[in-house]
N, C-alpha and C. Protein backbone atom coordinates (compact mmCIF):
# COMPACT_ATOMS: atom_id res chain seq x y z
N MET A 1 61.34 107.23 121.89
CA MET A 1 62.59 107.58 122.56
C MET A 1 63.38 108.58 121.72
N THR A 2 64.13 109.42 122.38
CA THR A 2 64.99 110.39 121.70
C THR A 2 66.43 110.12 122.10
N ASP A 3 67.29 110.02 121.12
CA ASP A 3 68.70 109.79 121.41
C ASP A 3 69.25 110.97 122.21
N GLU A 4 70.00 110.65 123.25
CA GLU A 4 70.50 111.68 124.17
C GLU A 4 71.35 112.74 123.48
N LEU A 5 72.03 112.38 122.38
CA LEU A 5 72.92 113.32 121.70
C LEU A 5 72.30 113.93 120.44
N ALA A 6 71.05 113.64 120.17
CA ALA A 6 70.40 114.17 118.97
C ALA A 6 70.47 115.69 118.96
N GLY A 7 70.96 116.26 117.87
CA GLY A 7 71.04 117.70 117.73
C GLY A 7 72.22 118.35 118.43
N SER A 8 73.06 117.57 119.09
CA SER A 8 74.19 118.14 119.81
C SER A 8 75.27 118.62 118.84
N PRO A 9 75.88 119.77 119.11
CA PRO A 9 76.98 120.25 118.26
C PRO A 9 78.19 119.32 118.29
N ILE A 10 78.26 118.46 119.31
CA ILE A 10 79.36 117.50 119.41
C ILE A 10 79.41 116.61 118.16
N LEU A 11 78.24 116.27 117.62
CA LEU A 11 78.18 115.38 116.46
C LEU A 11 78.91 115.99 115.27
N GLY A 12 78.64 117.25 115.02
CA GLY A 12 79.30 117.92 113.91
C GLY A 12 80.80 118.07 114.14
N GLU A 13 81.18 118.33 115.39
CA GLU A 13 82.60 118.47 115.72
C GLU A 13 83.37 117.19 115.46
N VAL A 14 82.77 116.06 115.80
CA VAL A 14 83.46 114.78 115.68
C VAL A 14 83.35 114.19 114.27
N LEU A 15 82.16 114.29 113.68
CA LEU A 15 81.89 113.58 112.42
C LEU A 15 82.08 114.43 111.18
N GLY A 16 82.11 115.75 111.34
CA GLY A 16 82.39 116.64 110.22
C GLY A 16 81.45 116.43 109.03
N GLU A 17 82.03 116.33 107.84
CA GLU A 17 81.23 116.24 106.61
C GLU A 17 80.47 114.93 106.49
N ALA A 18 80.82 113.93 107.31
CA ALA A 18 80.12 112.65 107.28
C ALA A 18 78.79 112.70 108.03
N LEU A 19 78.53 113.77 108.77
CA LEU A 19 77.34 113.82 109.62
C LEU A 19 76.03 113.59 108.86
N PRO A 20 75.79 114.23 107.70
CA PRO A 20 74.51 113.98 107.02
C PRO A 20 74.28 112.50 106.68
N GLN A 21 75.33 111.82 106.22
CA GLN A 21 75.19 110.39 105.92
C GLN A 21 74.94 109.58 107.18
N LEU A 22 75.61 109.95 108.25
CA LEU A 22 75.46 109.20 109.49
C LEU A 22 74.14 109.52 110.19
N GLU A 23 73.58 110.68 109.92
CA GLU A 23 72.22 110.96 110.42
C GLU A 23 71.21 110.03 109.76
N LYS A 24 71.39 109.76 108.48
CA LYS A 24 70.51 108.80 107.78
C LYS A 24 70.67 107.40 108.38
N PHE A 25 71.92 107.03 108.66
CA PHE A 25 72.20 105.73 109.28
C PHE A 25 71.55 105.66 110.66
N HIS A 26 71.63 106.75 111.41
CA HIS A 26 71.03 106.81 112.75
C HIS A 26 69.52 106.61 112.69
N VAL A 27 68.88 107.27 111.75
CA VAL A 27 67.42 107.14 111.61
C VAL A 27 67.04 105.69 111.33
N LYS A 28 67.77 105.06 110.41
CA LYS A 28 67.47 103.67 110.05
C LYS A 28 67.70 102.73 111.24
N LEU A 29 68.79 102.97 111.97
CA LEU A 29 69.06 102.16 113.16
C LEU A 29 67.97 102.34 114.22
N ALA A 30 67.57 103.59 114.44
CA ALA A 30 66.55 103.87 115.45
C ALA A 30 65.21 103.21 115.10
N GLN A 31 64.89 103.16 113.82
CA GLN A 31 63.62 102.60 113.38
C GLN A 31 63.64 101.08 113.26
N GLU A 32 64.77 100.54 112.78
CA GLU A 32 64.80 99.12 112.43
C GLU A 32 65.83 98.29 113.18
N GLY A 33 66.77 98.94 113.84
CA GLY A 33 67.89 98.22 114.45
C GLY A 33 67.48 97.19 115.48
N GLU A 34 66.58 97.56 116.40
CA GLU A 34 66.18 96.62 117.44
C GLU A 34 65.33 95.47 116.89
N PRO A 35 64.25 95.76 116.12
CA PRO A 35 63.44 94.64 115.62
C PRO A 35 64.21 93.68 114.70
N ARG A 36 65.26 94.18 114.06
CA ARG A 36 66.05 93.32 113.18
C ARG A 36 67.24 92.68 113.89
N GLY A 37 67.31 92.88 115.20
CA GLY A 37 68.32 92.20 116.00
C GLY A 37 69.72 92.74 115.86
N LEU A 38 69.84 94.01 115.48
CA LEU A 38 71.17 94.60 115.26
C LEU A 38 71.67 95.40 116.45
N ILE A 39 70.76 95.92 117.25
CA ILE A 39 71.11 96.60 118.49
C ILE A 39 70.13 96.14 119.57
N GLY A 40 70.54 96.28 120.82
CA GLY A 40 69.67 95.88 121.92
C GLY A 40 68.67 96.96 122.27
N PRO A 41 67.60 96.60 123.00
CA PRO A 41 66.57 97.59 123.37
C PRO A 41 67.11 98.74 124.21
N ARG A 42 68.15 98.50 124.99
CA ARG A 42 68.71 99.56 125.82
C ARG A 42 69.57 100.53 125.01
N ASP A 43 69.88 100.16 123.77
CA ASP A 43 70.75 100.99 122.94
C ASP A 43 69.99 102.02 122.11
N VAL A 44 68.68 101.89 122.02
CA VAL A 44 67.91 102.69 121.08
C VAL A 44 68.06 104.19 121.31
N ASP A 45 68.15 104.60 122.58
CA ASP A 45 68.25 106.03 122.86
C ASP A 45 69.69 106.49 123.09
N ILE A 46 70.66 105.60 122.81
CA ILE A 46 72.08 106.01 122.93
C ILE A 46 72.87 105.53 121.71
N ILE A 47 72.22 105.49 120.54
CA ILE A 47 72.88 105.00 119.33
C ILE A 47 74.08 105.86 118.98
N TRP A 48 73.95 107.16 119.07
CA TRP A 48 75.07 108.03 118.73
C TRP A 48 76.29 107.68 119.57
N GLU A 49 76.11 107.64 120.89
CA GLU A 49 77.25 107.40 121.79
C GLU A 49 77.75 105.97 121.70
N ARG A 50 76.85 105.00 121.84
CA ARG A 50 77.25 103.60 121.97
C ARG A 50 77.82 103.01 120.68
N HIS A 51 77.26 103.43 119.56
CA HIS A 51 77.62 102.77 118.31
C HIS A 51 78.31 103.67 117.29
N ILE A 52 77.73 104.84 117.00
CA ILE A 52 78.29 105.65 115.91
C ILE A 52 79.55 106.38 116.34
N LEU A 53 79.49 107.12 117.44
CA LEU A 53 80.69 107.84 117.89
C LEU A 53 81.77 106.87 118.35
N ASN A 54 81.37 105.78 118.97
CA ASN A 54 82.34 104.76 119.38
C ASN A 54 83.08 104.20 118.17
N SER A 55 82.34 103.94 117.10
CA SER A 55 82.96 103.45 115.86
C SER A 55 83.85 104.51 115.23
N ALA A 56 83.41 105.76 115.27
CA ALA A 56 84.19 106.85 114.66
C ALA A 56 85.52 107.08 115.35
N ALA A 57 85.65 106.62 116.59
CA ALA A 57 86.91 106.78 117.32
C ALA A 57 88.06 106.06 116.63
N ILE A 58 87.73 105.11 115.78
CA ILE A 58 88.76 104.32 115.08
C ILE A 58 89.30 105.04 113.84
N VAL A 59 88.58 106.07 113.39
CA VAL A 59 88.90 106.72 112.11
C VAL A 59 90.33 107.28 112.05
N PRO A 60 90.81 108.03 113.05
CA PRO A 60 92.18 108.55 112.96
C PRO A 60 93.23 107.44 112.84
N PHE A 61 92.96 106.29 113.44
CA PHE A 61 93.91 105.18 113.39
C PHE A 61 93.92 104.52 112.02
N ILE A 62 92.74 104.42 111.39
CA ILE A 62 92.69 103.89 110.02
C ILE A 62 93.41 104.84 109.07
N ARG A 63 93.14 106.12 109.24
CA ARG A 63 93.78 107.13 108.37
C ARG A 63 95.30 107.01 108.46
N GLN A 64 95.81 106.82 109.66
CA GLN A 64 97.25 106.69 109.84
C GLN A 64 97.76 105.36 109.25
N ALA A 65 96.96 104.31 109.39
CA ALA A 65 97.37 102.98 108.91
C ALA A 65 97.51 102.94 107.39
N VAL A 66 96.66 103.69 106.68
CA VAL A 66 96.69 103.64 105.20
C VAL A 66 97.56 104.74 104.60
N GLU A 67 98.07 105.63 105.45
CA GLU A 67 98.87 106.73 104.94
C GLU A 67 100.10 106.20 104.20
N GLY A 68 100.27 106.65 103.00
CA GLY A 68 101.41 106.21 102.20
C GLY A 68 101.18 104.93 101.43
N ALA A 69 100.06 104.25 101.68
CA ALA A 69 99.77 103.01 100.96
C ALA A 69 99.36 103.32 99.52
N ARG A 70 99.80 102.48 98.60
CA ARG A 70 99.44 102.67 97.19
C ARG A 70 97.93 102.56 97.00
N PHE A 71 97.35 101.56 97.67
CA PHE A 71 95.90 101.38 97.63
C PHE A 71 95.37 101.52 99.05
N LYS A 72 94.50 102.50 99.25
CA LYS A 72 93.94 102.74 100.59
C LYS A 72 92.73 101.84 100.80
N THR A 73 93.02 100.56 100.98
CA THR A 73 91.97 99.56 101.10
C THR A 73 91.83 99.11 102.55
N VAL A 74 90.58 98.96 102.98
CA VAL A 74 90.28 98.58 104.36
C VAL A 74 89.26 97.45 104.35
N ALA A 75 89.54 96.39 105.09
CA ALA A 75 88.56 95.32 105.28
C ALA A 75 87.98 95.42 106.68
N ASP A 76 86.67 95.31 106.79
CA ASP A 76 86.00 95.30 108.09
C ASP A 76 85.44 93.89 108.29
N VAL A 77 85.97 93.18 109.27
CA VAL A 77 85.62 91.78 109.49
C VAL A 77 84.46 91.68 110.47
N GLY A 78 83.43 90.91 110.09
CA GLY A 78 82.26 90.75 110.93
C GLY A 78 81.48 92.04 111.09
N SER A 79 81.13 92.63 109.94
CA SER A 79 80.56 93.99 109.95
C SER A 79 79.24 94.10 110.68
N GLY A 80 78.44 93.04 110.70
CA GLY A 80 77.19 93.05 111.47
C GLY A 80 76.26 94.20 111.12
N GLY A 81 76.02 95.06 112.12
CA GLY A 81 75.14 96.20 111.91
C GLY A 81 75.79 97.37 111.21
N GLY A 82 77.11 97.25 110.93
CA GLY A 82 77.82 98.32 110.24
C GLY A 82 78.83 99.04 111.10
N PHE A 83 79.21 98.39 112.22
CA PHE A 83 80.15 98.99 113.17
C PHE A 83 81.46 98.21 113.17
N PRO A 84 82.58 98.84 112.92
CA PRO A 84 82.73 100.25 112.57
C PRO A 84 82.71 100.54 111.07
N GLY A 85 82.53 99.51 110.23
CA GLY A 85 82.74 99.66 108.79
C GLY A 85 81.99 100.78 108.11
N LEU A 86 80.66 100.84 108.29
CA LEU A 86 79.88 101.88 107.62
C LEU A 86 80.23 103.27 108.14
N VAL A 87 80.44 103.37 109.44
CA VAL A 87 80.78 104.66 110.03
C VAL A 87 82.13 105.14 109.50
N ALA A 88 83.11 104.27 109.50
CA ALA A 88 84.44 104.63 109.01
C ALA A 88 84.41 104.97 107.53
N ALA A 89 83.63 104.23 106.76
CA ALA A 89 83.54 104.49 105.31
C ALA A 89 82.95 105.87 105.04
N ALA A 90 81.97 106.28 105.84
CA ALA A 90 81.38 107.61 105.67
C ALA A 90 82.40 108.70 106.02
N CYS A 91 83.23 108.42 107.01
CA CYS A 91 84.21 109.42 107.46
C CYS A 91 85.46 109.46 106.59
N LEU A 92 85.72 108.37 105.84
CA LEU A 92 86.94 108.27 105.03
C LEU A 92 86.58 107.96 103.57
N PRO A 93 86.01 108.93 102.85
CA PRO A 93 85.56 108.66 101.48
C PRO A 93 86.70 108.36 100.51
N ASP A 94 87.94 108.66 100.89
CA ASP A 94 89.07 108.39 99.99
C ASP A 94 89.62 106.97 100.17
N CYS A 95 89.03 106.19 101.08
CA CYS A 95 89.42 104.80 101.28
C CYS A 95 88.37 103.87 100.69
N GLU A 96 88.81 102.70 100.23
CA GLU A 96 87.89 101.69 99.69
C GLU A 96 87.67 100.62 100.76
N PHE A 97 86.42 100.45 101.16
CA PHE A 97 86.07 99.52 102.23
C PHE A 97 85.43 98.24 101.69
N THR A 98 85.86 97.11 102.24
CA THR A 98 85.21 95.83 101.98
C THR A 98 84.64 95.33 103.29
N LEU A 99 83.32 95.19 103.35
CA LEU A 99 82.66 94.71 104.56
C LEU A 99 82.47 93.20 104.44
N ILE A 100 83.05 92.45 105.36
CA ILE A 100 83.02 90.99 105.33
C ILE A 100 82.05 90.51 106.40
N GLU A 101 80.97 89.87 105.97
CA GLU A 101 79.91 89.46 106.89
C GLU A 101 79.26 88.17 106.36
N PRO A 102 79.24 87.10 107.15
CA PRO A 102 78.70 85.83 106.64
C PRO A 102 77.17 85.68 106.70
N MET A 103 76.50 86.44 107.57
CA MET A 103 75.07 86.22 107.76
C MET A 103 74.23 86.97 106.72
N GLU A 104 73.33 86.26 106.05
CA GLU A 104 72.56 86.84 104.95
C GLU A 104 71.73 88.04 105.39
N ARG A 105 71.06 87.92 106.52
CA ARG A 105 70.18 89.03 106.93
C ARG A 105 70.99 90.29 107.26
N ARG A 106 72.21 90.11 107.75
CA ARG A 106 73.05 91.27 108.02
C ARG A 106 73.64 91.85 106.73
N VAL A 107 73.93 90.98 105.79
CA VAL A 107 74.40 91.46 104.48
C VAL A 107 73.30 92.30 103.82
N GLU A 108 72.06 91.84 103.92
CA GLU A 108 70.93 92.61 103.37
C GLU A 108 70.84 93.98 104.04
N TRP A 109 70.98 94.00 105.36
CA TRP A 109 70.96 95.26 106.11
C TRP A 109 72.07 96.20 105.64
N LEU A 110 73.28 95.66 105.54
CA LEU A 110 74.42 96.48 105.12
C LEU A 110 74.19 97.08 103.73
N ALA A 111 73.64 96.27 102.82
CA ALA A 111 73.37 96.75 101.46
C ALA A 111 72.34 97.87 101.48
N GLU A 112 71.32 97.73 102.30
CA GLU A 112 70.30 98.77 102.42
C GLU A 112 70.93 100.06 102.97
N CYS A 113 71.80 99.93 103.96
CA CYS A 113 72.44 101.10 104.56
C CYS A 113 73.37 101.80 103.57
N VAL A 114 74.12 101.02 102.80
CA VAL A 114 75.00 101.61 101.78
C VAL A 114 74.18 102.43 100.80
N ASP A 115 73.01 101.91 100.42
CA ASP A 115 72.13 102.63 99.51
C ASP A 115 71.55 103.88 100.17
N THR A 116 71.06 103.74 101.40
CA THR A 116 70.47 104.86 102.13
C THR A 116 71.48 105.98 102.35
N MET A 117 72.71 105.60 102.67
CA MET A 117 73.76 106.57 102.97
C MET A 117 74.47 107.07 101.71
N ASP A 118 74.15 106.46 100.58
CA ASP A 118 74.77 106.82 99.29
C ASP A 118 76.30 106.74 99.38
N LEU A 119 76.78 105.59 99.85
CA LEU A 119 78.22 105.36 99.97
C LEU A 119 78.73 104.71 98.69
N SER A 120 79.69 105.35 98.05
CA SER A 120 80.24 104.82 96.79
C SER A 120 81.57 104.11 96.99
N ASN A 121 82.06 104.06 98.23
CA ASN A 121 83.37 103.47 98.51
C ASN A 121 83.27 102.17 99.31
N VAL A 122 82.14 101.48 99.19
CA VAL A 122 81.91 100.26 99.98
C VAL A 122 81.45 99.12 99.08
N ARG A 123 82.05 97.94 99.28
CA ARG A 123 81.51 96.72 98.70
C ARG A 123 81.33 95.71 99.83
N ILE A 124 80.42 94.80 99.64
CA ILE A 124 80.06 93.85 100.69
C ILE A 124 80.34 92.44 100.21
N GLU A 125 81.01 91.66 101.04
CA GLU A 125 81.29 90.26 100.73
C GLU A 125 80.55 89.39 101.75
N ARG A 126 79.63 88.56 101.25
CA ARG A 126 78.99 87.61 102.15
C ARG A 126 79.91 86.39 102.27
N ALA A 127 80.69 86.39 103.31
CA ALA A 127 81.69 85.34 103.51
C ALA A 127 82.25 85.45 104.92
N ARG A 128 82.91 84.37 105.34
CA ARG A 128 83.72 84.44 106.54
C ARG A 128 85.11 84.90 106.13
N SER A 129 85.83 85.49 107.06
CA SER A 129 87.16 86.00 106.71
C SER A 129 88.06 84.88 106.20
N GLU A 130 87.89 83.66 106.74
CA GLU A 130 88.72 82.54 106.29
C GLU A 130 88.52 82.26 104.80
N GLU A 131 87.30 82.46 104.31
CA GLU A 131 87.02 82.25 102.89
C GLU A 131 87.70 83.31 102.03
N ILE A 132 87.71 84.53 102.51
CA ILE A 132 88.41 85.60 101.78
C ILE A 132 89.91 85.34 101.76
N ILE A 133 90.45 84.89 102.89
CA ILE A 133 91.87 84.58 102.97
C ILE A 133 92.23 83.47 101.99
N ALA A 134 91.40 82.42 101.93
CA ALA A 134 91.66 81.31 101.00
C ALA A 134 91.60 81.79 99.56
N ALA A 135 90.63 82.66 99.25
CA ALA A 135 90.50 83.19 97.89
C ALA A 135 91.71 84.03 97.50
N MET A 136 92.22 84.80 98.45
CA MET A 136 93.39 85.63 98.20
C MET A 136 94.62 84.77 97.89
N ARG A 137 94.73 83.64 98.57
CA ARG A 137 95.88 82.75 98.34
C ARG A 137 95.82 82.10 96.97
N LYS A 138 94.61 81.85 96.48
CA LYS A 138 94.44 81.22 95.17
C LYS A 138 94.56 82.22 94.03
N ASN A 139 94.12 83.44 94.28
CA ASN A 139 94.06 84.46 93.23
C ASN A 139 94.99 85.61 93.55
N ARG A 140 96.11 85.64 92.87
CA ARG A 140 97.10 86.67 93.17
C ARG A 140 96.66 88.06 92.73
N ALA A 141 95.59 88.13 91.96
CA ALA A 141 95.07 89.43 91.54
C ALA A 141 94.32 90.12 92.69
N MET A 142 93.98 89.34 93.73
CA MET A 142 93.32 89.91 94.90
C MET A 142 94.40 90.45 95.85
N HIS A 143 94.46 91.75 95.98
CA HIS A 143 95.50 92.36 96.80
C HIS A 143 95.11 92.33 98.27
N PRO A 144 96.07 92.08 99.16
CA PRO A 144 95.78 92.21 100.59
C PRO A 144 95.49 93.67 100.94
N PHE A 145 94.98 93.87 102.14
CA PHE A 145 94.48 95.18 102.55
C PHE A 145 95.51 95.98 103.32
N ALA A 146 95.41 97.30 103.21
CA ALA A 146 96.30 98.18 103.95
C ALA A 146 95.94 98.23 105.43
N ALA A 147 94.65 98.03 105.73
CA ALA A 147 94.18 98.03 107.12
C ALA A 147 93.01 97.07 107.25
N VAL A 148 92.87 96.49 108.42
CA VAL A 148 91.72 95.65 108.74
C VAL A 148 91.13 96.15 110.05
N THR A 149 89.82 96.26 110.09
CA THR A 149 89.13 96.71 111.29
C THR A 149 88.13 95.66 111.77
N CYS A 150 87.71 95.80 113.00
CA CYS A 150 86.63 94.97 113.53
C CYS A 150 86.21 95.53 114.89
N ARG A 151 85.04 95.11 115.31
CA ARG A 151 84.51 95.56 116.61
C ARG A 151 83.65 94.45 117.19
N ALA A 152 83.98 94.03 118.40
CA ALA A 152 83.17 93.05 119.13
C ALA A 152 82.92 91.79 118.32
N VAL A 153 83.99 91.25 117.72
CA VAL A 153 83.84 90.05 116.89
C VAL A 153 84.24 88.79 117.64
N ALA A 154 85.42 88.78 118.25
CA ALA A 154 85.93 87.58 118.91
C ALA A 154 87.13 87.97 119.76
N PRO A 155 87.54 87.09 120.70
CA PRO A 155 88.77 87.36 121.45
C PRO A 155 89.98 87.31 120.53
N MET A 156 91.07 87.93 120.93
CA MET A 156 92.25 88.05 120.08
C MET A 156 92.85 86.70 119.71
N THR A 157 92.68 85.68 120.53
CA THR A 157 93.21 84.37 120.20
C THR A 157 92.62 83.85 118.89
N LYS A 158 91.37 84.19 118.61
CA LYS A 158 90.73 83.81 117.34
C LYS A 158 90.90 84.91 116.29
N LEU A 159 90.79 86.14 116.74
CA LEU A 159 90.78 87.28 115.82
C LEU A 159 92.08 87.41 115.03
N ALA A 160 93.19 87.06 115.65
CA ALA A 160 94.48 87.17 114.96
C ALA A 160 94.48 86.37 113.66
N GLY A 161 93.98 85.15 113.71
CA GLY A 161 93.95 84.30 112.53
C GLY A 161 92.92 84.70 111.51
N TRP A 162 91.92 85.44 111.93
CA TRP A 162 90.86 85.90 111.02
C TRP A 162 91.20 87.22 110.34
N THR A 163 92.16 87.95 110.88
CA THR A 163 92.41 89.31 110.38
C THR A 163 93.81 89.52 109.82
N LEU A 164 94.83 89.07 110.53
CA LEU A 164 96.21 89.35 110.11
C LEU A 164 96.54 88.81 108.71
N PRO A 165 96.04 87.61 108.31
CA PRO A 165 96.34 87.14 106.95
C PRO A 165 95.72 88.00 105.84
N LEU A 166 94.78 88.84 106.18
CA LEU A 166 94.17 89.73 105.19
C LEU A 166 95.05 90.94 104.88
N LEU A 167 96.05 91.18 105.72
CA LEU A 167 96.85 92.40 105.62
C LEU A 167 98.07 92.22 104.71
N LYS A 168 98.40 93.28 104.03
CA LYS A 168 99.67 93.33 103.29
C LYS A 168 100.80 93.55 104.28
N SER A 169 102.02 93.30 103.84
CA SER A 169 103.18 93.60 104.69
C SER A 169 103.17 95.08 105.05
N HIS A 170 103.41 95.36 106.30
CA HIS A 170 103.39 96.72 106.85
C HIS A 170 101.97 97.30 106.95
N GLY A 171 100.97 96.45 106.73
CA GLY A 171 99.60 96.87 107.00
C GLY A 171 99.34 96.83 108.50
N GLN A 172 98.11 97.15 108.90
CA GLN A 172 97.84 97.23 110.34
C GLN A 172 96.42 96.80 110.67
N LEU A 173 96.31 95.99 111.73
CA LEU A 173 95.01 95.67 112.31
C LEU A 173 94.65 96.78 113.29
N VAL A 174 93.42 97.29 113.15
CA VAL A 174 92.91 98.36 114.02
C VAL A 174 91.58 97.87 114.57
N ALA A 175 91.60 97.37 115.80
CA ALA A 175 90.41 96.71 116.36
C ALA A 175 89.89 97.44 117.58
N LEU A 176 88.60 97.73 117.59
CA LEU A 176 87.96 98.30 118.77
C LEU A 176 87.74 97.20 119.79
N LYS A 177 88.20 97.45 121.01
CA LYS A 177 88.12 96.43 122.06
C LYS A 177 87.66 97.05 123.37
N GLY A 178 87.32 96.19 124.32
CA GLY A 178 86.89 96.64 125.63
C GLY A 178 88.06 96.78 126.60
N ARG A 179 87.74 96.83 127.87
CA ARG A 179 88.76 97.09 128.89
C ARG A 179 89.71 95.92 129.09
N SER A 180 89.33 94.75 128.60
CA SER A 180 90.20 93.57 128.76
C SER A 180 91.18 93.43 127.60
N ALA A 181 91.34 94.48 126.80
CA ALA A 181 92.14 94.40 125.58
C ALA A 181 93.57 93.93 125.85
N GLN A 182 94.22 94.48 126.85
CA GLN A 182 95.61 94.09 127.12
C GLN A 182 95.71 92.63 127.53
N ALA A 183 94.77 92.18 128.35
CA ALA A 183 94.77 90.78 128.77
C ALA A 183 94.59 89.86 127.56
N GLU A 184 93.74 90.28 126.62
CA GLU A 184 93.54 89.49 125.40
C GLU A 184 94.83 89.42 124.59
N LEU A 185 95.52 90.54 124.47
CA LEU A 185 96.78 90.56 123.73
C LEU A 185 97.81 89.65 124.39
N ASP A 186 97.90 89.70 125.71
CA ASP A 186 98.86 88.87 126.42
C ASP A 186 98.58 87.39 126.16
N LYS A 187 97.32 87.02 126.20
CA LYS A 187 96.93 85.62 126.00
C LYS A 187 97.19 85.17 124.57
N ALA A 188 97.10 86.11 123.61
CA ALA A 188 97.19 85.75 122.19
C ALA A 188 98.58 85.98 121.60
N ALA A 189 99.57 86.24 122.43
CA ALA A 189 100.91 86.63 121.94
C ALA A 189 101.47 85.63 120.93
N LYS A 190 101.39 84.34 121.22
CA LYS A 190 101.96 83.32 120.33
C LYS A 190 101.20 83.27 119.00
N VAL A 191 99.88 83.37 119.07
CA VAL A 191 99.06 83.32 117.86
C VAL A 191 99.35 84.53 116.98
N ILE A 192 99.46 85.68 117.59
CA ILE A 192 99.77 86.91 116.84
C ILE A 192 101.10 86.76 116.11
N ASN A 193 102.09 86.22 116.79
CA ASN A 193 103.40 86.03 116.17
C ASN A 193 103.34 85.02 115.02
N THR A 194 102.53 83.97 115.19
CA THR A 194 102.38 82.95 114.15
C THR A 194 101.87 83.56 112.85
N TYR A 195 100.97 84.53 112.97
CA TYR A 195 100.39 85.17 111.78
C TYR A 195 101.12 86.45 111.39
N ARG A 196 102.38 86.54 111.80
CA ARG A 196 103.27 87.65 111.40
C ARG A 196 102.82 89.01 111.95
N GLY A 197 102.18 88.96 113.08
CA GLY A 197 101.82 90.21 113.76
C GLY A 197 102.99 90.71 114.58
N ALA A 198 103.12 92.01 114.68
CA ALA A 198 104.23 92.60 115.42
C ALA A 198 103.77 93.83 116.20
N ASN A 199 104.46 94.10 117.29
CA ASN A 199 104.22 95.29 118.10
C ASN A 199 102.76 95.45 118.52
N PRO A 200 102.15 94.40 119.07
CA PRO A 200 100.76 94.54 119.52
C PRO A 200 100.67 95.50 120.70
N ARG A 201 99.71 96.41 120.65
CA ARG A 201 99.58 97.37 121.74
C ARG A 201 98.14 97.86 121.83
N VAL A 202 97.83 98.41 122.99
CA VAL A 202 96.50 98.98 123.25
C VAL A 202 96.66 100.48 123.45
N VAL A 203 95.84 101.24 122.74
CA VAL A 203 95.86 102.70 122.92
C VAL A 203 94.45 103.17 123.30
N GLU A 204 94.41 104.26 124.05
CA GLU A 204 93.13 104.85 124.43
C GLU A 204 92.69 105.80 123.33
N ALA A 205 91.46 105.66 122.90
CA ALA A 205 90.95 106.46 121.78
C ALA A 205 89.83 107.38 122.25
N PRO A 206 89.98 108.70 122.09
CA PRO A 206 88.90 109.62 122.45
C PRO A 206 87.65 109.34 121.62
N VAL A 207 86.50 109.47 122.24
CA VAL A 207 85.23 109.28 121.54
C VAL A 207 84.61 110.63 121.20
N ALA A 208 84.42 111.47 122.20
CA ALA A 208 83.88 112.82 122.03
C ALA A 208 84.01 113.53 123.36
N PRO A 209 84.00 114.87 123.34
CA PRO A 209 84.09 115.62 124.60
C PRO A 209 83.01 115.19 125.59
N GLY A 210 83.42 114.88 126.80
CA GLY A 210 82.47 114.49 127.83
C GLY A 210 82.10 113.02 127.85
N LEU A 211 82.61 112.24 126.87
CA LEU A 211 82.30 110.82 126.82
C LEU A 211 83.54 110.00 127.15
N GLU A 212 83.30 108.84 127.74
CA GLU A 212 84.41 107.97 128.12
C GLU A 212 85.16 107.47 126.88
N PRO A 213 86.48 107.51 126.90
CA PRO A 213 87.24 107.01 125.76
C PRO A 213 87.08 105.50 125.61
N THR A 214 87.44 105.00 124.44
CA THR A 214 87.39 103.57 124.19
C THR A 214 88.81 103.05 124.00
N HIS A 215 88.93 101.76 123.70
CA HIS A 215 90.25 101.15 123.54
C HIS A 215 90.41 100.59 122.13
N VAL A 216 91.57 100.82 121.56
CA VAL A 216 91.87 100.32 120.23
C VAL A 216 93.13 99.46 120.30
N VAL A 217 93.04 98.26 119.73
CA VAL A 217 94.21 97.38 119.61
C VAL A 217 94.84 97.62 118.25
N LEU A 218 96.14 97.84 118.24
CA LEU A 218 96.90 98.02 117.00
C LEU A 218 97.94 96.90 116.90
N ILE A 219 97.96 96.23 115.74
CA ILE A 219 98.97 95.20 115.49
C ILE A 219 99.50 95.41 114.08
N ASP A 220 100.80 95.54 113.96
CA ASP A 220 101.43 95.72 112.65
C ASP A 220 101.64 94.34 112.01
N LYS A 221 101.69 94.33 110.67
CA LYS A 221 101.97 93.09 109.94
C LYS A 221 103.41 93.13 109.44
N ARG A 222 104.17 92.10 109.78
CA ARG A 222 105.55 92.03 109.33
C ARG A 222 105.61 91.81 107.82
């Protein structure tokens, strides 16, 4: 199979200097992603559109979230196959990314990808977000993050408690979501408030020329 966007100038326009690293990621995904259970069989010929460009749509929002922060630190919760964490890390080399993933086989995959892509701004934590939150509460030397990202992890009623406690005051959750994003926010309003979330909103995020935009949930931390 050949990815529908392979060789398209759109890739360079959207991904810029990160393209060579993400081409390596694409090759690895195309060869190993399906047999290792990281992408579905229908995704193999649309990896650029479905996974990489979709993940890259979050980059401008992360950049804005960390602007002015003393430490440009980003946590990606439930990193799985590397979406959006690895893609965002390649696009934002001036940010420090922590990929939080509890499953051993996915942690192994992420480590291989970091090596293949030669990413120097990524560390991987094999843990659930709740474990990282507990560790942060015990160890004051562990600083909360300027931004937290995630994609296709859980509904907002659960996600709020897994992500908002990781953020510093005035940090921001930047989550890729589907078309039901607003309904999820409405249902999770009380939980979001409990975890000091503020101004929850859904914005439409461009993916690439000619491709359907995606949805990003933004929640500020009080």
